[in-house]
Amino acid sequence: MLVGKELLDKARSLSKCSEDEIARGCGYVGPSGRVLRKSYYRALVQAKGYKLRSNGPGRPGNRSSRGRQAEFKTKVHGNGNLLIGHAYTKKMGLEPGQEFRIDVRRDSGAICLLPLGGKKLEINN
């Protein structure tokens, strides 16, 4: 990710492109390929010489400075997929590439993930 004068120069050279293309060209892309707009705009403002507070408006630790909070609910998407968010996979200590067998308990309606490959799943509270 470019910063400072390099960021300004590259953004200027891509000025005929869309905002997302400029951010991509400056390296502001996450591991999933999503454009990191907020990080790009913050870096751009800092490169122009403005100082930004790290916690945003309000007191440190208030809800507005913590970002989006995880909720203990989800829904089935229109394509039939059920998503378990990053907050929960992180809390459970799951890693990319880890494999599970899905066990559906019809009597209780529970869905269980059973680790494959002998690695025991331990939940980190």
C-alpha atoms as a PDB file:
ATOM      1  CA  MET A   1       0.000   0.000   0.000  1.00  0.00           C
ATOM      2  CA  LEU A   2       1.435   3.298  -1.036  1.00  0.00           C
ATOM      3  CA  VAL A   3       1.642   6.215   1.394  1.00  0.00           C
ATOM      4  CA  GLY A   4       2.769   9.804   1.374  1.00  0.00           C
ATOM      5  CA  LYS A   5       4.122  11.366  -1.818  1.00  0.00           C
ATOM      6  CA  GLU A   6       4.139   8.012  -3.656  1.00  0.00           C
ATOM      7  CA  LEU A   7       0.405   7.621  -2.962  1.00  0.00           C
ATOM      8  CA  LEU A   8      -0.375  11.151  -4.155  1.00  0.00           C
ATOM      9  CA  ASP A   9       1.703  10.726  -7.325  1.00  0.00           C
ATOM     10  CA  LYS A  10       0.141   7.354  -8.197  1.00  0.00           C
ATOM     11  CA  ALA A  11      -3.400   8.606  -7.475  1.00  0.00           C
ATOM     12  CA  ARG A  12      -2.736  11.637  -9.676  1.00  0.00           C
ATOM     13  CA  SER A  13      -1.466   9.423 -12.514  1.00  0.00           C
ATOM     14  CA  LEU A  14      -4.655   7.327 -12.305  1.00  0.00           C
ATOM     15  CA  SER A  15      -6.997  10.324 -12.060  1.00  0.00           C
ATOM     16  CA  LYS A  16      -8.934   9.309 -15.190  1.00  0.00           C
ATOM     17  CA  CYS A  17      -9.883   5.957 -13.571  1.00  0.00           C
ATOM     18  CA  SER A  18     -12.717   5.179 -11.146  1.00  0.00           C
ATOM     19  CA  GLU A  19     -12.137   5.603  -7.402  1.00  0.00           C
ATOM     20  CA  ASP A  20     -11.965   1.830  -6.904  1.00  0.00           C
ATOM     21  CA  GLU A  21      -9.420   1.466  -9.725  1.00  0.00           C
ATOM     22  CA  ILE A  22      -7.278   4.204  -8.177  1.00  0.00           C
ATOM     23  CA  ALA A  23      -7.406   2.543  -4.741  1.00  0.00           C
ATOM     24  CA  ARG A  24      -6.519  -0.830  -6.329  1.00  0.00           C
ATOM     25  CA  GLY A  25      -3.659   0.750  -8.280  1.00  0.00           C
ATOM     26  CA  CYS A  26      -2.283   2.162  -5.024  1.00  0.00           C
ATOM     27  CA  GLY A  27      -2.396  -1.267  -3.365  1.00  0.00           C
ATOM     28  CA  TYR A  28      -5.466  -0.851  -1.148  1.00  0.00           C
ATOM     29  CA  VAL A  29      -6.900  -4.324  -1.652  1.00  0.00           C
ATOM     30  CA  GLY A  30      -7.681  -6.860   1.071  1.00  0.00           C
ATOM     31  CA  PRO A  31      -6.835 -10.575   0.996  1.00  0.00           C
ATOM     32  CA  SER A  32     -10.258 -11.387  -0.460  1.00  0.00           C
ATOM     33  CA  GLY A  33      -9.786  -8.869  -3.293  1.00  0.00           C
ATOM     34  CA  ARG A  34     -12.123  -6.282  -1.759  1.00  0.00           C
ATOM     35  CA  VAL A  35     -11.093  -2.633  -2.158  1.00  0.00           C
ATOM     36  CA  LEU A  36     -10.128  -1.093   1.199  1.00  0.00           C
ATOM     37  CA  ARG A  37     -11.731   2.288   0.616  1.00  0.00           C
ATOM     38  CA  LYS A  38     -11.556   3.590   4.194  1.00  0.00           C
ATOM     39  CA  SER A  39      -7.855   2.756   4.499  1.00  0.00           C
ATOM     40  CA  TYR A  40      -7.197   4.339   1.095  1.00  0.00           C
ATOM     41  CA  TYR A  41      -9.064   7.566   1.940  1.00  0.00           C
ATOM     42  CA  ARG A  42      -7.395   7.823   5.365  1.00  0.00           C
ATOM     43  CA  ALA A  43      -3.950   7.393   3.776  1.00  0.00           C
ATOM     44  CA  LEU A  44      -4.832   9.957   1.109  1.00  0.00           C
ATOM     45  CA  VAL A  45      -5.911  12.539   3.705  1.00  0.00           C
ATOM     46  CA  GLN A  46      -2.747  11.907   5.752  1.00  0.00           C
ATOM     47  CA  ALA A  47      -0.595  12.176   2.619  1.00  0.00           C
ATOM     48  CA  LYS A  48      -2.085  15.627   2.039  1.00  0.00           C
ATOM     49  CA  GLY A  49      -0.789  16.690   5.469  1.00  0.00           C
ATOM     50  CA  TYR A  50      -3.875  16.419   7.665  1.00  0.00           C
ATOM     51  CA  LYS A  51      -3.608  14.759  11.068  1.00  0.00           C
ATOM     52  CA  LEU A  52      -6.287  12.182  11.914  1.00  0.00           C
ATOM     53  CA  ARG A  53      -7.273  10.992  15.367  1.00  0.00           C
ATOM     54  CA  SER A  54      -6.981   7.228  15.712  1.00  0.00           C
ATOM     55  CA  ASN A  55     -10.256   6.733  17.639  1.00  0.00           C
ATOM     56  CA  GLY A  56     -12.503   8.945  15.551  1.00  0.00           C
ATOM     57  CA  PRO A  57     -15.022  11.307  17.152  1.00  0.00           C
ATOM     58  CA  GLY A  58     -15.974  10.960  20.802  1.00  0.00           C
ATOM     59  CA  ARG A  59     -14.256   9.306  23.734  1.00  0.00           C
ATOM     60  CA  PRO A  60     -11.794   6.461  23.247  1.00  0.00           C
ATOM     61  CA  GLY A  61     -13.565   3.126  23.517  1.00  0.00           C
ATOM     62  CA  ASN A  62     -17.055   4.382  22.708  1.00  0.00           C
ATOM     63  CA  ARG A  63     -19.153   2.258  20.355  1.00  0.00           C
ATOM     64  CA  SER A  64     -18.550   4.531  17.354  1.00  0.00           C
ATOM     65  CA  SER A  65     -14.779   3.955  17.592  1.00  0.00           C
ATOM     66  CA  ARG A  66     -14.975   0.130  17.746  1.00  0.00           C
ATOM     67  CA  GLY A  67     -16.419  -0.462  14.302  1.00  0.00           C
ATOM     68  CA  ARG A  68     -19.093  -2.986  13.487  1.00  0.00           C
ATOM     69  CA  GLN A  69     -19.876  -5.384  16.323  1.00  0.00           C
ATOM     70  CA  ALA A  70     -20.653  -9.071  15.871  1.00  0.00           C
ATOM     71  CA  GLU A  71     -24.224 -10.200  16.448  1.00  0.00           C
ATOM     72  CA  PHE A  72     -25.165 -13.691  17.511  1.00  0.00           C
ATOM     73  CA  LYS A  73     -27.590 -14.184  14.651  1.00  0.00           C
ATOM     74  CA  THR A  74     -27.452 -14.870  10.926  1.00  0.00           C
ATOM     75  CA  LYS A  75     -29.851 -15.688   8.109  1.00  0.00           C
ATOM     76  CA  VAL A  76     -29.917 -17.857   5.034  1.00  0.00           C
ATOM     77  CA  HIS A  77     -28.956 -15.807   1.970  1.00  0.00           C
ATOM     78  CA  GLY A  78     -30.969 -15.767  -1.263  1.00  0.00           C
ATOM     79  CA  ASN A  79     -28.568 -18.260  -2.831  1.00  0.00           C
ATOM     80  CA  GLY A  80     -29.165 -20.731   0.023  1.00  0.00           C
ATOM     81  CA  ASN A  81     -25.836 -20.141   1.782  1.00  0.00           C
ATOM     82  CA  LEU A  82     -25.552 -19.671   5.521  1.00  0.00           C
ATOM     83  CA  LEU A  83     -22.658 -17.421   6.540  1.00  0.00           C
ATOM     84  CA  ILE A  84     -20.700 -17.647   9.785  1.00  0.00           C
ATOM     85  CA  GLY A  85     -18.791 -14.397  10.105  1.00  0.00           C
ATOM     86  CA  HIS A  86     -15.113 -13.747  10.738  1.00  0.00           C
ATOM     87  CA  ALA A  87     -15.742 -12.741  14.366  1.00  0.00           C
ATOM     88  CA  TYR A  88     -16.963 -16.248  15.176  1.00  0.00           C
ATOM     89  CA  THR A  89     -14.363 -18.186  13.205  1.00  0.00           C
ATOM     90  CA  LYS A  90     -11.690 -16.075  14.917  1.00  0.00           C
ATOM     91  CA  LYS A  91     -13.251 -16.616  18.345  1.00  0.00           C
ATOM     92  CA  MET A  92     -13.314 -20.369  17.704  1.00  0.00           C
ATOM     93  CA  GLY A  93      -9.684 -20.360  16.523  1.00  0.00           C
ATOM     94  CA  LEU A  94     -10.575 -21.621  13.027  1.00  0.00           C
ATOM     95  CA  GLU A  95      -7.998 -21.219  10.276  1.00  0.00           C
ATOM     96  CA  PRO A  96      -8.321 -20.935   6.485  1.00  0.00           C
ATOM     97  CA  GLY A  97      -8.304 -24.357   4.853  1.00  0.00           C
ATOM     98  CA  GLN A  98      -9.455 -26.183   7.966  1.00  0.00           C
ATOM     99  CA  GLU A  99     -12.036 -28.845   7.025  1.00  0.00           C
ATOM    100  CA  PHE A 100     -15.177 -29.968   8.831  1.00  0.00           C
ATOM    101  CA  ARG A 101     -17.956 -32.486   8.502  1.00  0.00           C
ATOM    102  CA  ILE A 102     -21.378 -30.896   8.918  1.00  0.00           C
ATOM    103  CA  ASP A 103     -23.738 -32.813  11.188  1.00  0.00           C
ATOM    104  CA  VAL A 104     -27.407 -31.803  11.146  1.00  0.00           C
ATOM    105  CA  ARG A 105     -29.369 -32.777  14.249  1.00  0.00           C
ATOM    106  CA  ARG A 106     -32.945 -32.819  13.011  1.00  0.00           C
ATOM    107  CA  ASP A 107     -34.457 -33.407  16.470  1.00  0.00           C
ATOM    108  CA  SER A 108     -32.969 -30.197  17.917  1.00  0.00           C
ATOM    109  CA  GLY A 109     -32.384 -28.247  14.696  1.00  0.00           C
ATOM    110  CA  ALA A 110     -28.702 -27.864  15.595  1.00  0.00           C
ATOM    111  CA  ILE A 111     -25.930 -27.721  13.006  1.00  0.00           C
ATOM    112  CA  CYS A 112     -22.588 -29.054  14.272  1.00  0.00           C
ATOM    113  CA  LEU A 113     -19.148 -28.654  12.699  1.00  0.00           C
ATOM    114  CA  LEU A 114     -16.968 -31.694  13.324  1.00  0.00           C
ATOM    115  CA  PRO A 115     -13.253 -31.127  12.541  1.00  0.00           C
ATOM    116  CA  LEU A 116     -11.654 -33.519  10.045  1.00  0.00           C
ATOM    117  CA  GLY A 117      -8.052 -34.632  10.180  1.00  0.00           C
ATOM    118  CA  GLY A 118      -7.862 -35.384  13.887  1.00  0.00           C
ATOM    119  CA  LYS A 119      -7.313 -31.778  15.021  1.00  0.00           C
ATOM    120  CA  LYS A 120      -9.460 -31.154  18.101  1.00  0.00           C
ATOM    121  CA  LEU A 121     -11.522 -27.961  18.055  1.00  0.00           C
ATOM    122  CA  GLU A 122     -11.076 -25.807  21.153  1.00  0.00           C
ATOM    123  CA  ILE A 123     -13.151 -22.686  21.617  1.00  0.00           C
ATOM    124  CA  ASN A 124     -11.200 -19.686  22.943  1.00  0.00           C
ATOM    125  CA  ASN A 125     -13.422 -17.604  25.227  1.00  0.00           C
END
